[in-house]
N, C-alpha and C. Protein backbone atom coordinates (compact mmCIF):
# COMPACT_ATOMS: atom_id res chain seq x y z
N ARG A 1 4.57 -6.94 12.87
CA ARG A 1 3.51 -6.36 12.04
C ARG A 1 3.11 -4.98 12.51
N GLY A 2 3.35 -4.69 13.78
CA GLY A 2 3.03 -3.37 14.28
C GLY A 2 4.12 -2.36 13.96
N ALA A 3 5.24 -2.84 13.40
CA ALA A 3 6.36 -1.94 13.07
C ALA A 3 6.02 -1.09 11.85
N LEU A 4 6.70 0.04 11.76
CA LEU A 4 6.48 0.92 10.61
C LEU A 4 6.98 0.27 9.33
N LEU A 5 6.31 0.60 8.23
CA LEU A 5 6.72 0.08 6.92
C LEU A 5 8.08 0.58 6.52
N GLN A 6 8.86 -0.29 5.87
CA GLN A 6 10.17 0.09 5.37
C GLN A 6 10.25 -0.19 3.87
N GLY A 7 11.31 0.31 3.24
CA GLY A 7 11.48 0.27 1.79
C GLY A 7 11.08 -0.99 1.06
N SER A 8 11.69 -2.13 1.42
CA SER A 8 11.41 -3.36 0.68
C SER A 8 9.96 -3.81 0.90
N GLN A 9 9.41 -3.48 2.05
CA GLN A 9 8.02 -3.84 2.33
C GLN A 9 7.06 -3.07 1.42
N LEU A 10 7.44 -1.84 1.04
CA LEU A 10 6.59 -1.06 0.14
C LEU A 10 6.42 -1.82 -1.18
N TYR A 11 7.52 -2.37 -1.69
CA TYR A 11 7.43 -3.12 -2.94
C TYR A 11 6.63 -4.40 -2.77
N ALA A 12 6.73 -5.03 -1.61
CA ALA A 12 5.95 -6.23 -1.35
C ALA A 12 4.45 -5.90 -1.39
N VAL A 13 4.07 -4.75 -0.84
CA VAL A 13 2.68 -4.31 -0.86
C VAL A 13 2.24 -4.03 -2.31
N ILE A 14 3.08 -3.29 -3.04
CA ILE A 14 2.77 -2.95 -4.43
C ILE A 14 2.55 -4.23 -5.25
N ASP A 15 3.37 -5.24 -4.99
CA ASP A 15 3.29 -6.49 -5.76
C ASP A 15 2.00 -7.27 -5.54
N VAL A 16 1.38 -7.14 -4.37
CA VAL A 16 0.19 -7.96 -4.11
C VAL A 16 -1.14 -7.26 -4.39
N VAL A 17 -1.15 -5.93 -4.39
CA VAL A 17 -2.42 -5.22 -4.62
C VAL A 17 -2.67 -5.11 -6.13
N PRO A 18 -3.84 -5.57 -6.59
CA PRO A 18 -4.13 -5.46 -8.03
C PRO A 18 -4.09 -4.00 -8.49
N VAL A 19 -3.45 -3.75 -9.63
CA VAL A 19 -3.29 -2.37 -10.13
C VAL A 19 -4.64 -1.67 -10.26
N ARG A 20 -5.65 -2.40 -10.75
CA ARG A 20 -6.95 -1.77 -10.98
C ARG A 20 -7.65 -1.36 -9.69
N ARG A 21 -7.17 -1.87 -8.56
CA ARG A 21 -7.78 -1.52 -7.27
C ARG A 21 -6.86 -0.65 -6.42
N TRP A 22 -5.76 -0.19 -7.02
CA TRP A 22 -4.75 0.53 -6.25
C TRP A 22 -5.30 1.80 -5.60
N LYS A 23 -6.02 2.62 -6.40
CA LYS A 23 -6.52 3.90 -5.84
C LYS A 23 -7.53 3.63 -4.73
N GLU A 24 -8.35 2.62 -4.91
CA GLU A 24 -9.30 2.23 -3.85
C GLU A 24 -8.52 1.85 -2.59
N PHE A 25 -7.43 1.12 -2.77
CA PHE A 25 -6.58 0.72 -1.66
C PHE A 25 -6.01 1.94 -0.94
N MET A 26 -5.51 2.92 -1.71
CA MET A 26 -4.95 4.12 -1.09
C MET A 26 -6.04 4.92 -0.37
N ARG A 27 -7.24 4.94 -0.92
CA ARG A 27 -8.35 5.62 -0.22
C ARG A 27 -8.68 4.90 1.08
N MET A 28 -8.63 3.57 1.07
CA MET A 28 -8.86 2.78 2.29
C MET A 28 -7.85 3.15 3.36
N LEU A 29 -6.62 3.42 2.91
CA LEU A 29 -5.55 3.81 3.84
C LEU A 29 -5.66 5.29 4.23
N GLU A 30 -6.66 5.97 3.63
CA GLU A 30 -6.97 7.36 3.95
C GLU A 30 -5.92 8.35 3.44
N LEU A 31 -5.29 8.00 2.30
CA LEU A 31 -4.49 9.01 1.61
C LEU A 31 -5.48 9.94 0.92
N ARG A 32 -5.28 11.24 1.05
CA ARG A 32 -6.23 12.20 0.50
C ARG A 32 -6.32 12.11 -1.02
N GLU A 33 -7.51 12.32 -1.53
CA GLU A 33 -7.76 12.27 -2.97
C GLU A 33 -6.85 13.24 -3.72
N ALA A 34 -6.66 14.43 -3.17
CA ALA A 34 -5.81 15.44 -3.81
C ALA A 34 -4.37 14.92 -3.94
N GLU A 35 -3.93 14.20 -2.95
CA GLU A 35 -2.58 13.63 -2.95
C GLU A 35 -2.46 12.56 -4.04
N ILE A 36 -3.47 11.72 -4.15
CA ILE A 36 -3.50 10.67 -5.18
C ILE A 36 -3.42 11.30 -6.57
N GLU A 37 -4.23 12.32 -6.79
CA GLU A 37 -4.26 12.98 -8.10
C GLU A 37 -2.94 13.68 -8.41
N LEU A 38 -2.35 14.28 -7.38
CA LEU A 38 -1.06 14.97 -7.56
C LEU A 38 0.01 13.98 -8.00
N VAL A 39 0.06 12.83 -7.35
CA VAL A 39 1.06 11.82 -7.72
C VAL A 39 0.83 11.36 -9.16
N GLU A 40 -0.44 11.17 -9.54
CA GLU A 40 -0.74 10.75 -10.91
C GLU A 40 -0.25 11.77 -11.94
N LEU A 41 -0.34 13.05 -11.58
CA LEU A 41 0.13 14.10 -12.49
C LEU A 41 1.65 14.18 -12.53
N GLU A 42 2.30 13.98 -11.40
CA GLU A 42 3.74 14.19 -11.29
C GLU A 42 4.58 13.00 -11.73
N VAL A 43 4.03 11.81 -11.62
CA VAL A 43 4.82 10.60 -11.83
C VAL A 43 4.26 9.82 -13.01
N ALA A 44 5.13 9.46 -13.95
CA ALA A 44 4.66 8.87 -15.21
C ALA A 44 4.27 7.39 -15.08
N HIS A 45 5.13 6.58 -14.52
CA HIS A 45 4.91 5.13 -14.53
C HIS A 45 4.07 4.67 -13.34
N ILE A 46 3.18 3.71 -13.61
CA ILE A 46 2.24 3.27 -12.59
C ILE A 46 2.95 2.73 -11.35
N ARG A 47 3.99 1.93 -11.54
CA ARG A 47 4.68 1.37 -10.38
C ARG A 47 5.34 2.46 -9.54
N ASP A 48 5.87 3.47 -10.21
CA ASP A 48 6.45 4.62 -9.50
C ASP A 48 5.37 5.40 -8.77
N GLN A 49 4.20 5.51 -9.39
CA GLN A 49 3.06 6.19 -8.74
C GLN A 49 2.67 5.43 -7.47
N GLN A 50 2.60 4.12 -7.58
CA GLN A 50 2.22 3.31 -6.42
C GLN A 50 3.21 3.51 -5.28
N TYR A 51 4.49 3.47 -5.61
CA TYR A 51 5.52 3.65 -4.59
C TYR A 51 5.41 5.03 -3.95
N GLU A 52 5.23 6.04 -4.78
CA GLU A 52 5.14 7.42 -4.28
C GLU A 52 3.93 7.61 -3.38
N MET A 53 2.79 7.05 -3.78
CA MET A 53 1.57 7.16 -2.95
C MET A 53 1.79 6.47 -1.60
N LEU A 54 2.36 5.28 -1.63
CA LEU A 54 2.63 4.58 -0.37
C LEU A 54 3.60 5.36 0.49
N LYS A 55 4.63 5.91 -0.15
CA LYS A 55 5.64 6.68 0.60
C LYS A 55 4.99 7.88 1.28
N ARG A 56 4.14 8.60 0.53
CA ARG A 56 3.47 9.76 1.12
C ARG A 56 2.56 9.36 2.26
N TRP A 57 1.86 8.24 2.08
CA TRP A 57 1.00 7.74 3.15
C TRP A 57 1.84 7.43 4.39
N CYS A 58 3.00 6.82 4.18
CA CYS A 58 3.89 6.49 5.30
C CYS A 58 4.37 7.75 6.03
N GLN A 59 4.61 8.82 5.26
CA GLN A 59 5.11 10.05 5.86
C GLN A 59 4.01 10.77 6.67
N GLN A 60 2.76 10.54 6.31
CA GLN A 60 1.66 11.27 6.95
C GLN A 60 1.08 10.56 8.17
N THR A 61 1.30 9.25 8.26
CA THR A 61 0.68 8.49 9.35
C THR A 61 1.72 7.57 9.96
N SER A 62 1.34 6.93 11.04
CA SER A 62 2.20 5.87 11.55
C SER A 62 1.81 4.60 10.78
N ALA A 63 2.38 4.48 9.60
CA ALA A 63 2.01 3.43 8.65
C ALA A 63 2.58 2.09 9.09
N THR A 64 1.71 1.15 9.38
CA THR A 64 2.15 -0.19 9.77
C THR A 64 1.54 -1.23 8.84
N LEU A 65 2.12 -2.41 8.86
CA LEU A 65 1.56 -3.52 8.08
C LEU A 65 0.15 -3.85 8.55
N ASP A 66 -0.12 -3.63 9.83
CA ASP A 66 -1.48 -3.88 10.33
C ASP A 66 -2.50 -3.03 9.57
N HIS A 67 -2.16 -1.78 9.30
CA HIS A 67 -3.06 -0.91 8.52
C HIS A 67 -3.27 -1.48 7.13
N VAL A 68 -2.17 -1.94 6.52
CA VAL A 68 -2.24 -2.50 5.17
C VAL A 68 -3.13 -3.74 5.16
N PHE A 69 -2.90 -4.65 6.11
CA PHE A 69 -3.71 -5.87 6.17
C PHE A 69 -5.19 -5.54 6.41
N ALA A 70 -5.45 -4.59 7.28
CA ALA A 70 -6.84 -4.20 7.57
C ALA A 70 -7.51 -3.65 6.31
N ALA A 71 -6.79 -2.83 5.55
CA ALA A 71 -7.35 -2.26 4.31
C ALA A 71 -7.65 -3.37 3.31
N LEU A 72 -6.73 -4.32 3.17
CA LEU A 72 -6.94 -5.43 2.24
C LEU A 72 -8.15 -6.27 2.65
N GLU A 73 -8.30 -6.49 3.95
CA GLU A 73 -9.46 -7.27 4.44
C GLU A 73 -10.76 -6.52 4.14
N ARG A 74 -10.77 -5.21 4.37
CA ARG A 74 -11.98 -4.42 4.09
C ARG A 74 -12.34 -4.44 2.61
N MET A 75 -11.32 -4.56 1.76
CA MET A 75 -11.55 -4.60 0.31
C MET A 75 -11.86 -6.02 -0.15
N GLU A 76 -11.92 -6.96 0.79
CA GLU A 76 -12.16 -8.37 0.50
C GLU A 76 -11.06 -8.95 -0.39
N LEU A 77 -9.84 -8.55 -0.09
CA LEU A 77 -8.67 -9.07 -0.80
C LEU A 77 -7.84 -9.94 0.15
N ALA A 78 -8.51 -10.88 0.78
CA ALA A 78 -7.83 -11.74 1.76
C ALA A 78 -6.70 -12.53 1.10
N GLY A 79 -6.89 -12.92 -0.15
CA GLY A 79 -5.85 -13.65 -0.87
C GLY A 79 -4.60 -12.80 -1.02
N CYS A 80 -4.79 -11.52 -1.29
CA CYS A 80 -3.66 -10.60 -1.41
C CYS A 80 -2.97 -10.43 -0.06
N ALA A 81 -3.77 -10.34 0.99
CA ALA A 81 -3.21 -10.21 2.34
C ALA A 81 -2.37 -11.43 2.68
N GLU A 82 -2.86 -12.61 2.30
CA GLU A 82 -2.14 -13.85 2.57
C GLU A 82 -0.84 -13.89 1.76
N ALA A 83 -0.90 -13.48 0.49
CA ALA A 83 0.30 -13.44 -0.35
C ALA A 83 1.33 -12.49 0.25
N LEU A 84 0.86 -11.37 0.78
CA LEU A 84 1.77 -10.40 1.40
C LEU A 84 2.43 -11.01 2.64
N ARG A 85 1.61 -11.66 3.48
CA ARG A 85 2.17 -12.30 4.69
C ARG A 85 3.29 -13.27 4.32
N GLN A 86 3.06 -14.04 3.27
CA GLN A 86 4.05 -15.05 2.88
C GLN A 86 5.29 -14.44 2.25
N SER A 87 5.14 -13.27 1.63
CA SER A 87 6.29 -12.67 0.94
C SER A 87 7.22 -11.91 1.89
N LEU A 88 6.73 -11.61 3.09
CA LEU A 88 7.54 -10.81 4.03
C LEU A 88 8.46 -11.70 4.84
N PRO A 89 9.70 -11.30 5.00
CA PRO A 89 10.61 -12.10 5.84
C PRO A 89 10.12 -12.11 7.28
N GLY A 90 10.22 -13.26 7.90
CA GLY A 90 9.77 -13.36 9.29
C GLY A 90 8.27 -13.45 9.42
N GLY A 91 7.58 -13.57 8.30
CA GLY A 91 6.11 -13.72 8.36
C GLY A 91 5.74 -15.12 8.78
N PRO A 92 4.47 -15.32 9.15
CA PRO A 92 4.03 -16.66 9.61
C PRO A 92 4.09 -17.68 8.48
């Protein structure tokens, strides 16, 4: 869980976070608002936007699953965090 996020894990994260709370989630992860807006302008489809935002976040920080789980807990999305844990290979 302390390892850096990789490609397939990005999709696992996208799949568990509710679309309507996605931007809040990215703000929790401290992706800059300007970056979020830029992706929305540049990328047409929501799923592609989600992937791009996560990718940029990964490039800017030492992005780990621990950060993702912490953000989900702060957003009171424990069910989503649990779904993510179960969807990841080698998870508990």
